[in-house]
Amino acid sequence: MAKIILFNKPFHVLSQFSDGEGRSTLADFLRAPGYRVAGRLDYDSEGLLLLTDDGRLQQQIANPRHKRWKTYWVQVEGAIDQTAIDKLCNGLSLKDGPTLPARARPIAPPDLWPRNPPVRERKSVPDSWLELSIREGRNRQVRRMTAAAGFPTLRLVRHQVGDWSLEGLQPGEHRIETVNLPRESLAAKRKPRRRSP
């Protein structure tokens, strides 16, 4: 049995418990000795951050080879069109190589808390929202993907990681869940015996 903390990380909070520059960290919201972050979330992104007290679960969540879907609600500059959605879904080329195909669709503006400070508004330029799901974990990947598709990100909220969701959590709030990890088989745990010569 492992425990996992689902935390709604506010804007401009670091995904760590300390900082030498005086920025806001997880320690301002949580007391969680023994817990480690499983998959970081950028300082200027919001939403679901997972922490666990189990190293194996941390690897299952954070390591891209497990291909766990992460879903984001993304506010972009401009009216997102089908051409851009197709580019995101088919995978596009970034400086560090091509992305895997994503899941993307336009959505109505979600019912979210106000961001502090608010997203800048430009009356001459519309904005729109999309839901984007990826299975990778590159640095600032969602922002780079939407920019490569021609629609820079204005606001980024991670809504879901695998089966875990942000539902019911306001910024700075958390809840703890218990996870039943599958037991390793006894055969895998046994070390092979050396045969005597």
N, C-alpha and C. Protein backbone atom coordinates (compact mmCIF):
# COMPACT_ATOMS: atom_id res chain seq x y z
N MET A 1 0.85 -1.19 0.00
CA MET A 1 0.00 0.00 0.00
C MET A 1 0.89 1.24 0.00
N ALA A 2 0.55 2.17 -0.88
CA ALA A 2 1.27 3.43 -0.94
C ALA A 2 0.26 4.55 -0.78
N LYS A 3 0.75 5.69 -0.37
CA LYS A 3 -0.12 6.85 -0.26
C LYS A 3 0.28 7.88 -1.30
N ILE A 4 -0.72 8.60 -1.80
CA ILE A 4 -0.47 9.63 -2.80
C ILE A 4 -1.24 10.89 -2.41
N ILE A 5 -0.57 12.02 -2.55
CA ILE A 5 -1.20 13.31 -2.30
C ILE A 5 -1.55 13.94 -3.64
N LEU A 6 -2.81 14.32 -3.80
CA LEU A 6 -3.25 15.08 -4.96
C LEU A 6 -3.33 16.54 -4.52
N PHE A 7 -2.52 17.38 -5.12
CA PHE A 7 -2.40 18.78 -4.71
C PHE A 7 -2.70 19.68 -5.90
N ASN A 8 -3.53 20.70 -5.67
CA ASN A 8 -3.82 21.68 -6.72
C ASN A 8 -2.79 22.81 -6.58
N LYS A 9 -1.75 22.74 -7.39
CA LYS A 9 -0.66 23.70 -7.29
C LYS A 9 -1.09 25.05 -7.87
N PRO A 10 -1.02 26.10 -7.06
CA PRO A 10 -1.35 27.42 -7.59
C PRO A 10 -0.28 27.94 -8.55
N PHE A 11 -0.64 28.96 -9.29
CA PHE A 11 0.27 29.67 -10.17
C PHE A 11 1.43 30.25 -9.35
N HIS A 12 2.62 30.20 -9.91
CA HIS A 12 3.83 30.75 -9.28
C HIS A 12 4.14 30.12 -7.92
N VAL A 13 4.03 28.78 -7.90
CA VAL A 13 4.50 27.99 -6.76
C VAL A 13 5.43 26.92 -7.33
N LEU A 14 6.60 26.76 -6.71
CA LEU A 14 7.55 25.75 -7.17
C LEU A 14 7.10 24.35 -6.78
N SER A 15 7.41 23.37 -7.61
CA SER A 15 7.08 21.97 -7.34
C SER A 15 8.15 21.33 -6.46
N GLN A 16 8.53 22.01 -5.39
CA GLN A 16 9.53 21.51 -4.45
C GLN A 16 9.29 22.18 -3.10
N PHE A 17 9.98 21.70 -2.08
CA PHE A 17 9.71 22.16 -0.71
C PHE A 17 10.62 23.28 -0.23
N SER A 18 11.62 23.66 -1.01
CA SER A 18 12.51 24.74 -0.58
C SER A 18 12.99 25.52 -1.79
N ASP A 19 13.42 26.75 -1.54
CA ASP A 19 13.94 27.60 -2.62
C ASP A 19 14.84 28.67 -2.02
N GLY A 20 16.00 28.84 -2.61
CA GLY A 20 16.95 29.82 -2.10
C GLY A 20 16.65 31.24 -2.53
N GLU A 21 15.64 31.42 -3.40
CA GLU A 21 15.35 32.75 -3.94
C GLU A 21 14.09 33.36 -3.34
N GLY A 22 13.50 32.71 -2.35
CA GLY A 22 12.35 33.28 -1.67
C GLY A 22 11.02 33.11 -2.38
N ARG A 23 10.99 32.24 -3.40
CA ARG A 23 9.72 32.00 -4.10
C ARG A 23 8.84 31.04 -3.30
N SER A 24 7.56 31.06 -3.59
CA SER A 24 6.61 30.20 -2.90
C SER A 24 6.86 28.74 -3.29
N THR A 25 6.78 27.85 -2.30
CA THR A 25 7.03 26.42 -2.53
C THR A 25 5.90 25.58 -1.94
N LEU A 26 6.02 24.28 -2.10
CA LEU A 26 5.03 23.36 -1.55
C LEU A 26 4.95 23.46 -0.03
N ALA A 27 6.06 23.84 0.60
CA ALA A 27 6.08 23.94 2.06
C ALA A 27 5.13 25.01 2.58
N ASP A 28 4.74 25.95 1.71
CA ASP A 28 3.76 26.97 2.12
C ASP A 28 2.35 26.40 2.22
N PHE A 29 2.15 25.19 1.70
CA PHE A 29 0.80 24.60 1.65
C PHE A 29 0.72 23.23 2.30
N LEU A 30 1.84 22.50 2.33
CA LEU A 30 1.81 21.09 2.74
C LEU A 30 2.88 20.79 3.79
N ARG A 31 2.53 19.90 4.72
CA ARG A 31 3.54 19.25 5.55
C ARG A 31 3.50 17.78 5.15
N ALA A 32 4.53 17.37 4.42
CA ALA A 32 4.49 16.00 3.88
C ALA A 32 5.88 15.36 3.94
N PRO A 33 6.41 15.15 5.15
CA PRO A 33 7.73 14.49 5.25
C PRO A 33 7.66 13.08 4.67
N GLY A 34 8.68 12.73 3.91
CA GLY A 34 8.72 11.40 3.30
C GLY A 34 8.05 11.32 1.94
N TYR A 35 7.41 12.39 1.51
CA TYR A 35 6.75 12.38 0.20
C TYR A 35 7.64 13.06 -0.84
N ARG A 36 7.60 12.51 -2.06
CA ARG A 36 8.37 13.09 -3.16
C ARG A 36 7.44 13.40 -4.32
N VAL A 37 7.79 14.44 -5.05
CA VAL A 37 6.98 14.83 -6.21
C VAL A 37 7.13 13.79 -7.30
N ALA A 38 6.01 13.41 -7.90
CA ALA A 38 6.00 12.44 -9.00
C ALA A 38 5.57 13.16 -10.28
N GLY A 39 6.52 13.72 -10.99
CA GLY A 39 6.20 14.46 -12.21
C GLY A 39 6.00 15.92 -11.89
N ARG A 40 6.97 16.74 -12.24
CA ARG A 40 6.93 18.15 -11.86
C ARG A 40 5.90 18.92 -12.68
N LEU A 41 5.61 20.13 -12.21
CA LEU A 41 4.72 21.06 -12.90
C LEU A 41 5.40 22.41 -12.85
N ASP A 42 5.52 23.06 -14.00
CA ASP A 42 6.27 24.32 -14.09
C ASP A 42 5.76 25.36 -13.10
N TYR A 43 6.66 26.26 -12.74
CA TYR A 43 6.38 27.37 -11.82
C TYR A 43 5.18 28.19 -12.29
N ASP A 44 5.08 28.41 -13.59
CA ASP A 44 3.99 29.24 -14.12
C ASP A 44 2.82 28.42 -14.66
N SER A 45 2.76 27.15 -14.30
CA SER A 45 1.61 26.31 -14.62
C SER A 45 0.85 26.02 -13.33
N GLU A 46 -0.41 25.63 -13.48
CA GLU A 46 -1.28 25.36 -12.33
C GLU A 46 -1.82 23.95 -12.42
N GLY A 47 -2.42 23.51 -11.32
CA GLY A 47 -3.19 22.28 -11.39
C GLY A 47 -2.58 21.10 -10.67
N LEU A 48 -2.92 19.91 -11.15
CA LEU A 48 -2.68 18.67 -10.41
C LEU A 48 -1.20 18.34 -10.32
N LEU A 49 -0.73 18.23 -9.09
CA LEU A 49 0.62 17.77 -8.79
C LEU A 49 0.49 16.58 -7.85
N LEU A 50 1.20 15.51 -8.17
CA LEU A 50 1.12 14.29 -7.36
C LEU A 50 2.40 14.12 -6.54
N LEU A 51 2.22 13.72 -5.30
CA LEU A 51 3.35 13.39 -4.42
C LEU A 51 3.07 12.03 -3.81
N THR A 52 4.11 11.22 -3.64
CA THR A 52 3.91 9.90 -3.06
C THR A 52 5.01 9.55 -2.08
N ASP A 53 4.69 8.61 -1.17
CA ASP A 53 5.68 8.15 -0.20
C ASP A 53 6.33 6.84 -0.66
N ASP A 54 6.09 6.43 -1.91
CA ASP A 54 6.58 5.16 -2.43
C ASP A 54 7.41 5.39 -3.69
N GLY A 55 8.67 4.98 -3.65
CA GLY A 55 9.57 5.21 -4.78
C GLY A 55 9.14 4.50 -6.05
N ARG A 56 8.58 3.29 -5.91
CA ARG A 56 8.16 2.55 -7.10
C ARG A 56 6.98 3.25 -7.77
N LEU A 57 6.04 3.75 -6.97
CA LEU A 57 4.89 4.46 -7.53
C LEU A 57 5.35 5.77 -8.16
N GLN A 58 6.30 6.44 -7.53
CA GLN A 58 6.82 7.68 -8.10
C GLN A 58 7.37 7.43 -9.51
N GLN A 59 8.10 6.33 -9.68
CA GLN A 59 8.65 6.00 -11.00
C GLN A 59 7.56 5.67 -12.00
N GLN A 60 6.53 4.95 -11.56
CA GLN A 60 5.43 4.60 -12.46
C GLN A 60 4.70 5.83 -12.96
N ILE A 61 4.61 6.86 -12.11
CA ILE A 61 3.91 8.08 -12.49
C ILE A 61 4.79 8.97 -13.35
N ALA A 62 6.05 9.15 -12.93
CA ALA A 62 6.90 10.17 -13.53
C ALA A 62 7.65 9.71 -14.78
N ASN A 63 7.98 8.43 -14.85
CA ASN A 63 8.81 7.98 -15.96
C ASN A 63 8.00 7.89 -17.25
N PRO A 64 8.42 8.62 -18.31
CA PRO A 64 7.65 8.63 -19.56
C PRO A 64 7.49 7.26 -20.20
N ARG A 65 8.38 6.31 -19.87
CA ARG A 65 8.26 4.99 -20.53
C ARG A 65 6.99 4.26 -20.12
N HIS A 66 6.37 4.68 -19.01
CA HIS A 66 5.09 4.07 -18.61
C HIS A 66 3.92 4.67 -19.38
N LYS A 67 4.18 5.75 -20.14
CA LYS A 67 3.20 6.34 -21.06
C LYS A 67 1.85 6.63 -20.39
N ARG A 68 1.91 7.21 -19.21
CA ARG A 68 0.69 7.59 -18.50
C ARG A 68 0.19 8.91 -19.08
N TRP A 69 -1.06 8.96 -19.49
CA TRP A 69 -1.61 10.18 -20.10
C TRP A 69 -1.74 11.29 -19.05
N LYS A 70 -1.33 12.48 -19.44
CA LYS A 70 -1.50 13.70 -18.63
C LYS A 70 -2.36 14.66 -19.43
N THR A 71 -3.44 15.15 -18.82
CA THR A 71 -4.39 16.00 -19.54
C THR A 71 -4.35 17.42 -19.00
N TYR A 72 -4.26 18.36 -19.93
CA TYR A 72 -4.15 19.79 -19.61
C TYR A 72 -5.30 20.56 -20.23
N TRP A 73 -5.74 21.59 -19.53
CA TRP A 73 -6.63 22.59 -20.11
C TRP A 73 -5.75 23.79 -20.45
N VAL A 74 -5.77 24.17 -21.71
CA VAL A 74 -4.82 25.16 -22.19
C VAL A 74 -5.56 26.34 -22.82
N GLN A 75 -5.32 27.53 -22.28
CA GLN A 75 -5.83 28.75 -22.89
C GLN A 75 -4.75 29.27 -23.83
N VAL A 76 -5.11 29.48 -25.09
CA VAL A 76 -4.13 29.93 -26.07
C VAL A 76 -4.53 31.26 -26.67
N GLU A 77 -3.54 31.94 -27.21
CA GLU A 77 -3.79 33.20 -27.90
C GLU A 77 -4.26 32.87 -29.31
N GLY A 78 -5.41 33.42 -29.69
CA GLY A 78 -5.98 33.15 -31.01
C GLY A 78 -7.10 32.13 -30.94
N ALA A 79 -7.88 32.06 -32.00
CA ALA A 79 -8.99 31.10 -32.08
C ALA A 79 -8.45 29.80 -32.67
N ILE A 80 -8.29 28.80 -31.83
CA ILE A 80 -7.69 27.54 -32.26
C ILE A 80 -8.51 26.94 -33.40
N ASP A 81 -7.82 26.44 -34.41
CA ASP A 81 -8.52 25.88 -35.58
C ASP A 81 -8.18 24.41 -35.75
N GLN A 82 -8.89 23.77 -36.68
CA GLN A 82 -8.72 22.32 -36.86
C GLN A 82 -7.33 21.97 -37.38
N THR A 83 -6.74 22.87 -38.16
CA THR A 83 -5.38 22.61 -38.66
C THR A 83 -4.41 22.46 -37.50
N ALA A 84 -4.51 23.36 -36.52
CA ALA A 84 -3.63 23.28 -35.35
C ALA A 84 -3.93 22.03 -34.52
N ILE A 85 -5.21 21.70 -34.36
CA ILE A 85 -5.59 20.50 -33.61
C ILE A 85 -4.99 19.27 -34.28
N ASP A 86 -5.07 19.20 -35.62
CA ASP A 86 -4.51 18.06 -36.34
C ASP A 86 -3.00 17.96 -36.14
N LYS A 87 -2.31 19.10 -36.15
CA LYS A 87 -0.86 19.09 -35.92
C LYS A 87 -0.53 18.51 -34.56
N LEU A 88 -1.26 18.92 -33.54
CA LEU A 88 -1.02 18.42 -32.20
C LEU A 88 -1.30 16.92 -32.11
N CYS A 89 -2.38 16.49 -32.76
CA CYS A 89 -2.77 15.08 -32.70
C CYS A 89 -1.79 14.18 -33.46
N ASN A 90 -1.21 14.70 -34.52
CA ASN A 90 -0.31 13.89 -35.35
C ASN A 90 1.12 13.90 -34.84
N GLY A 91 1.43 14.84 -33.93
CA GLY A 91 2.80 15.00 -33.47
C GLY A 91 3.48 16.06 -34.32
N LEU A 92 4.28 16.89 -33.67
CA LEU A 92 5.00 17.91 -34.42
C LEU A 92 6.45 17.96 -34.00
N SER A 93 7.24 18.67 -34.76
CA SER A 93 8.68 18.68 -34.55
C SER A 93 9.07 19.84 -33.64
N LEU A 94 9.76 19.51 -32.54
CA LEU A 94 10.31 20.51 -31.63
C LEU A 94 11.83 20.47 -31.73
N LYS A 95 12.49 21.40 -31.07
CA LYS A 95 13.96 21.45 -31.16
C LYS A 95 14.62 20.17 -30.66
N ASP A 96 13.98 19.50 -29.68
CA ASP A 96 14.56 18.27 -29.15
C ASP A 96 13.94 17.02 -29.78
N GLY A 97 13.35 17.18 -30.97
CA GLY A 97 12.84 16.04 -31.71
C GLY A 97 11.32 16.03 -31.82
N PRO A 98 10.78 15.09 -32.60
CA PRO A 98 9.33 15.02 -32.80
C PRO A 98 8.61 14.55 -31.54
N THR A 99 7.39 15.05 -31.36
CA THR A 99 6.57 14.61 -30.23
C THR A 99 5.77 13.38 -30.64
N LEU A 100 5.36 12.62 -29.64
CA LEU A 100 4.42 11.54 -29.90
C LEU A 100 3.06 12.15 -30.24
N PRO A 101 2.22 11.43 -30.98
CA PRO A 101 0.87 11.94 -31.21
C PRO A 101 0.16 12.22 -29.89
N ALA A 102 -0.58 13.31 -29.84
CA ALA A 102 -1.32 13.71 -28.64
C ALA A 102 -2.82 13.56 -28.89
N ARG A 103 -3.58 13.77 -27.85
CA ARG A 103 -5.04 13.89 -27.98
C ARG A 103 -5.37 15.37 -27.77
N ALA A 104 -6.09 15.96 -28.69
CA ALA A 104 -6.39 17.38 -28.59
C ALA A 104 -7.79 17.65 -29.12
N ARG A 105 -8.49 18.57 -28.45
CA ARG A 105 -9.81 18.99 -28.92
C ARG A 105 -10.11 20.36 -28.35
N PRO A 106 -10.83 21.20 -29.12
CA PRO A 106 -11.25 22.49 -28.57
C PRO A 106 -12.30 22.27 -27.49
N ILE A 107 -12.29 23.13 -26.46
CA ILE A 107 -13.30 23.05 -25.40
C ILE A 107 -13.80 24.46 -25.07
N ALA A 108 -14.97 24.52 -24.45
CA ALA A 108 -15.46 25.80 -23.93
C ALA A 108 -14.58 26.21 -22.75
N PRO A 109 -14.50 27.50 -22.44
CA PRO A 109 -13.71 27.91 -21.27
C PRO A 109 -14.16 27.13 -20.03
N PRO A 110 -13.24 26.41 -19.37
CA PRO A 110 -13.64 25.63 -18.19
C PRO A 110 -13.96 26.53 -17.00
N ASP A 111 -14.73 25.98 -16.08
CA ASP A 111 -15.12 26.72 -14.87
C ASP A 111 -13.97 26.64 -13.87
N LEU A 112 -13.05 27.59 -13.97
CA LEU A 112 -11.86 27.59 -13.13
C LEU A 112 -11.86 28.77 -12.17
N TRP A 113 -11.04 28.68 -11.16
CA TRP A 113 -10.79 29.77 -10.23
C TRP A 113 -10.09 30.90 -10.98
N PRO A 114 -10.24 32.14 -10.52
CA PRO A 114 -9.50 33.24 -11.14
C PRO A 114 -8.00 33.07 -10.86
N ARG A 115 -7.19 33.38 -11.85
CA ARG A 115 -5.75 33.30 -11.64
C ARG A 115 -5.24 34.63 -11.07
N ASN A 116 -4.27 34.53 -10.17
CA ASN A 116 -3.69 35.74 -9.59
C ASN A 116 -2.18 35.74 -9.84
N PRO A 117 -1.66 36.67 -10.68
CA PRO A 117 -2.37 37.73 -11.40
C PRO A 117 -3.14 37.15 -12.58
N PRO A 118 -4.16 37.90 -13.06
CA PRO A 118 -4.95 37.40 -14.17
C PRO A 118 -4.16 37.34 -15.47
N VAL A 119 -4.63 36.51 -16.38
CA VAL A 119 -4.04 36.43 -17.72
C VAL A 119 -4.29 37.75 -18.43
N ARG A 120 -3.27 38.25 -19.10
CA ARG A 120 -3.45 39.53 -19.81
C ARG A 120 -4.47 39.36 -20.94
N GLU A 121 -5.29 40.36 -21.11
CA GLU A 121 -6.29 40.34 -22.18
C GLU A 121 -5.94 41.36 -23.24
N ARG A 122 -6.09 40.98 -24.49
CA ARG A 122 -5.89 41.91 -25.60
C ARG A 122 -7.18 41.93 -26.41
N LYS A 123 -7.82 43.06 -26.42
CA LYS A 123 -9.13 43.15 -27.07
C LYS A 123 -9.04 42.84 -28.56
N SER A 124 -7.88 43.12 -29.17
CA SER A 124 -7.74 42.91 -30.61
C SER A 124 -7.41 41.46 -30.96
N VAL A 125 -7.04 40.65 -29.95
CA VAL A 125 -6.66 39.26 -30.22
C VAL A 125 -7.54 38.34 -29.38
N PRO A 126 -8.30 37.44 -30.02
CA PRO A 126 -9.14 36.52 -29.25
C PRO A 126 -8.29 35.44 -28.57
N ASP A 127 -8.90 34.74 -27.64
CA ASP A 127 -8.24 33.57 -27.07
C ASP A 127 -9.22 32.41 -27.10
N SER A 128 -8.72 31.21 -26.91
CA SER A 128 -9.57 30.02 -26.92
C SER A 128 -8.95 28.96 -26.03
N TRP A 129 -9.71 27.89 -25.79
CA TRP A 129 -9.27 26.83 -24.90
C TRP A 129 -9.25 25.49 -25.65
N LEU A 130 -8.30 24.65 -25.28
CA LEU A 130 -8.30 23.28 -25.77
C LEU A 130 -7.93 22.34 -24.65
N GLU A 131 -8.32 21.09 -24.80
CA GLU A 131 -7.90 20.02 -23.91
C GLU A 131 -6.82 19.25 -24.64
N LEU A 132 -5.67 19.11 -24.01
CA LEU A 132 -4.52 18.45 -24.64
C LEU A 132 -3.99 17.38 -23.72
N SER A 133 -3.86 16.16 -24.22
CA SER A 133 -3.32 15.04 -23.44
C SER A 133 -2.05 14.53 -24.11
N ILE A 134 -1.00 14.36 -23.29
CA ILE A 134 0.27 13.86 -23.81
C ILE A 134 0.76 12.72 -22.93
N ARG A 135 1.70 11.92 -23.47
CA ARG A 135 2.27 10.79 -22.72
C ARG A 135 3.76 10.98 -22.48
N GLU A 136 4.26 12.16 -22.76
CA GLU A 136 5.68 12.44 -22.56
C GLU A 136 5.83 13.42 -21.40
N GLY A 137 7.07 13.76 -21.08
CA GLY A 137 7.29 14.68 -19.98
C GLY A 137 8.46 15.61 -20.24
N ARG A 138 8.56 16.15 -21.43
CA ARG A 138 9.67 17.04 -21.75
C ARG A 138 9.46 18.41 -21.09
N ASN A 139 10.54 19.13 -20.94
CA ASN A 139 10.50 20.44 -20.31
C ASN A 139 9.60 21.40 -21.10
N ARG A 140 8.61 21.95 -20.42
CA ARG A 140 7.68 22.94 -20.99
C ARG A 140 7.08 22.46 -22.32
N GLN A 141 6.79 21.17 -22.38
CA GLN A 141 6.37 20.57 -23.65
C GLN A 141 5.06 21.12 -24.19
N VAL A 142 4.04 21.25 -23.34
CA VAL A 142 2.74 21.72 -23.84
C VAL A 142 2.87 23.12 -24.42
N ARG A 143 3.57 24.00 -23.71
CA ARG A 143 3.76 25.37 -24.21
C ARG A 143 4.48 25.37 -25.55
N ARG A 144 5.49 24.53 -25.67
CA ARG A 144 6.24 24.48 -26.93
C ARG A 144 5.40 23.89 -28.06
N MET A 145 4.54 22.93 -27.72
CA MET A 145 3.69 22.33 -28.75
C MET A 145 2.67 23.33 -29.28
N THR A 146 1.99 24.04 -28.38
CA THR A 146 0.98 24.99 -28.87
C THR A 146 1.64 26.12 -29.65
N ALA A 147 2.83 26.55 -29.22
CA ALA A 147 3.54 27.61 -29.97
C ALA A 147 3.92 27.11 -31.36
N ALA A 148 4.39 25.86 -31.45
CA ALA A 148 4.76 25.29 -32.74
C ALA A 148 3.56 25.15 -33.66
N ALA A 149 2.37 24.99 -33.06
CA ALA A 149 1.14 24.91 -33.87
C ALA A 149 0.59 26.29 -34.20
N GLY A 150 1.25 27.35 -33.71
CA GLY A 150 0.84 28.71 -34.04
C GLY A 150 -0.05 29.39 -33.01
N PHE A 151 -0.19 28.78 -31.81
CA PHE A 151 -1.08 29.33 -30.79
C PHE A 151 -0.37 29.34 -29.44
N PRO A 152 0.30 30.44 -29.09
CA PRO A 152 1.03 30.50 -27.82
C PRO A 152 0.11 30.30 -26.61
N THR A 153 0.62 29.61 -25.61
CA THR A 153 -0.13 29.35 -24.38
C THR A 153 -0.19 30.59 -23.50
N LEU A 154 -1.39 30.89 -23.01
CA LEU A 154 -1.59 31.98 -22.06
C LEU A 154 -1.75 31.45 -20.63
N ARG A 155 -2.45 30.32 -20.50
CA ARG A 155 -2.69 29.73 -19.19
C ARG A 155 -2.69 28.22 -19.34
N LEU A 156 -2.07 27.53 -18.38
CA LEU A 156 -1.93 26.09 -18.48
C LEU A 156 -2.30 25.45 -17.14
N VAL A 157 -3.31 24.58 -17.18
CA VAL A 157 -3.80 23.91 -15.96
C VAL A 157 -3.80 22.41 -16.21
N ARG A 158 -3.01 21.67 -15.41
CA ARG A 158 -3.04 20.21 -15.55
C ARG A 158 -4.25 19.70 -14.78
N HIS A 159 -5.13 19.01 -15.49
CA HIS A 159 -6.39 18.56 -14.91
C HIS A 159 -6.34 17.11 -14.45
N GLN A 160 -5.54 16.28 -15.13
CA GLN A 160 -5.58 14.85 -14.83
C GLN A 160 -4.23 14.20 -15.14
N VAL A 161 -3.85 13.22 -14.32
CA VAL A 161 -2.69 12.36 -14.56
C VAL A 161 -3.17 10.94 -14.39
N GLY A 162 -3.17 10.16 -15.47
CA GLY A 162 -3.73 8.81 -15.39
C GLY A 162 -5.16 8.87 -14.93
N ASP A 163 -5.49 8.15 -13.85
CA ASP A 163 -6.86 8.14 -13.31
C ASP A 163 -7.08 9.20 -12.24
N TRP A 164 -6.03 9.92 -11.86
CA TRP A 164 -6.16 10.94 -10.81
C TRP A 164 -6.55 12.27 -11.40
N SER A 165 -7.50 12.94 -10.76
CA SER A 165 -8.07 14.17 -11.30
C SER A 165 -8.06 15.27 -10.25
N LEU A 166 -8.15 16.49 -10.76
CA LEU A 166 -8.16 17.69 -9.93
C LEU A 166 -9.54 17.95 -9.31
N GLU A 167 -10.54 17.20 -9.70
CA GLU A 167 -11.92 17.47 -9.29
C GLU A 167 -12.03 17.69 -7.78
N GLY A 168 -12.73 18.76 -7.41
CA GLY A 168 -13.02 19.03 -6.00
C GLY A 168 -11.92 19.76 -5.24
N LEU A 169 -10.82 20.08 -5.90
CA LEU A 169 -9.70 20.75 -5.22
C LEU A 169 -9.55 22.18 -5.71
N GLN A 170 -9.58 23.11 -4.79
CA GLN A 170 -9.29 24.50 -5.10
C GLN A 170 -7.77 24.73 -5.00
N PRO A 171 -7.25 25.82 -5.56
CA PRO A 171 -5.81 26.06 -5.48
C PRO A 171 -5.30 26.02 -4.04
N GLY A 172 -4.21 25.29 -3.82
CA GLY A 172 -3.63 25.16 -2.49
C GLY A 172 -4.22 24.03 -1.67
N GLU A 173 -5.30 23.39 -2.14
CA GLU A 173 -5.93 22.29 -1.41
C GLU A 173 -5.35 20.95 -1.86
N HIS A 174 -5.48 19.94 -0.99
CA HIS A 174 -5.00 18.61 -1.34
C HIS A 174 -5.89 17.55 -0.70
N ARG A 175 -5.73 16.33 -1.19
CA ARG A 175 -6.35 15.18 -0.54
C ARG A 175 -5.37 14.01 -0.66
N ILE A 176 -5.53 13.06 0.24
CA ILE A 176 -4.64 11.90 0.28
C ILE A 176 -5.44 10.66 -0.12
N GLU A 177 -4.87 9.84 -0.98
CA GLU A 177 -5.50 8.59 -1.39
C GLU A 177 -4.53 7.44 -1.17
N THR A 178 -5.08 6.26 -0.99
CA THR A 178 -4.27 5.05 -0.84
C THR A 178 -4.27 4.29 -2.15
N VAL A 179 -3.10 3.80 -2.53
CA VAL A 179 -2.94 3.08 -3.79
C VAL A 179 -2.48 1.66 -3.48
N ASN A 180 -3.17 0.68 -4.03
CA ASN A 180 -2.76 -0.71 -3.88
C ASN A 180 -1.83 -1.06 -5.04
N LEU A 181 -0.55 -1.23 -4.73
CA LEU A 181 0.41 -1.59 -5.76
C LEU A 181 0.42 -3.10 -5.95
N PRO A 182 0.53 -3.56 -7.20
CA PRO A 182 0.61 -5.02 -7.41
C PRO A 182 1.89 -5.55 -6.80
N ARG A 183 1.78 -6.70 -6.14
CA ARG A 183 2.97 -7.30 -5.53
C ARG A 183 3.84 -7.91 -6.61
N GLU A 184 5.12 -7.77 -6.43
CA GLU A 184 6.03 -8.43 -7.36
C GLU A 184 5.92 -9.93 -7.13
N SER A 185 6.05 -10.66 -8.20
CA SER A 185 5.93 -12.11 -8.05
C SER A 185 7.10 -12.65 -7.23
N LEU A 186 6.86 -13.71 -6.51
CA LEU A 186 7.90 -14.31 -5.69
C LEU A 186 9.06 -14.76 -6.57
N ALA A 187 8.74 -15.22 -7.76
CA ALA A 187 9.80 -15.69 -8.66
C ALA A 187 10.74 -14.56 -9.03
N ALA A 188 10.17 -13.36 -9.23
CA ALA A 188 11.00 -12.22 -9.59
C ALA A 188 11.88 -11.79 -8.43
N LYS A 189 11.41 -12.03 -7.19
CA LYS A 189 12.17 -11.62 -6.02
C LYS A 189 13.30 -12.60 -5.69
N ARG A 190 13.10 -13.87 -6.06
CA ARG A 190 14.12 -14.87 -5.73
C ARG A 190 15.35 -14.69 -6.59
N LYS A 191 16.49 -14.77 -5.98
CA LYS A 191 17.72 -14.70 -6.76
C LYS A 191 18.05 -16.10 -7.25
N PRO A 192 18.50 -16.18 -8.51
CA PRO A 192 18.85 -17.52 -9.01
C PRO A 192 20.02 -18.11 -8.21
N ARG A 193 19.91 -19.38 -7.91
CA ARG A 193 20.99 -20.05 -7.15
C ARG A 193 22.13 -20.38 -8.09
N ARG A 194 23.33 -20.23 -7.56
CA ARG A 194 24.49 -20.63 -8.34
C ARG A 194 24.67 -22.14 -8.25
N ARG A 195 24.95 -22.71 -9.38
CA ARG A 195 25.22 -24.14 -9.38
C ARG A 195 26.64 -24.37 -8.95
N SER A 196 26.83 -25.40 -8.15
CA SER A 196 28.20 -25.71 -7.74
C SER A 196 28.94 -26.36 -8.91
N PRO A 197 30.23 -26.07 -9.04
CA PRO A 197 30.98 -26.62 -10.19
C PRO A 197 31.14 -28.13 -10.09
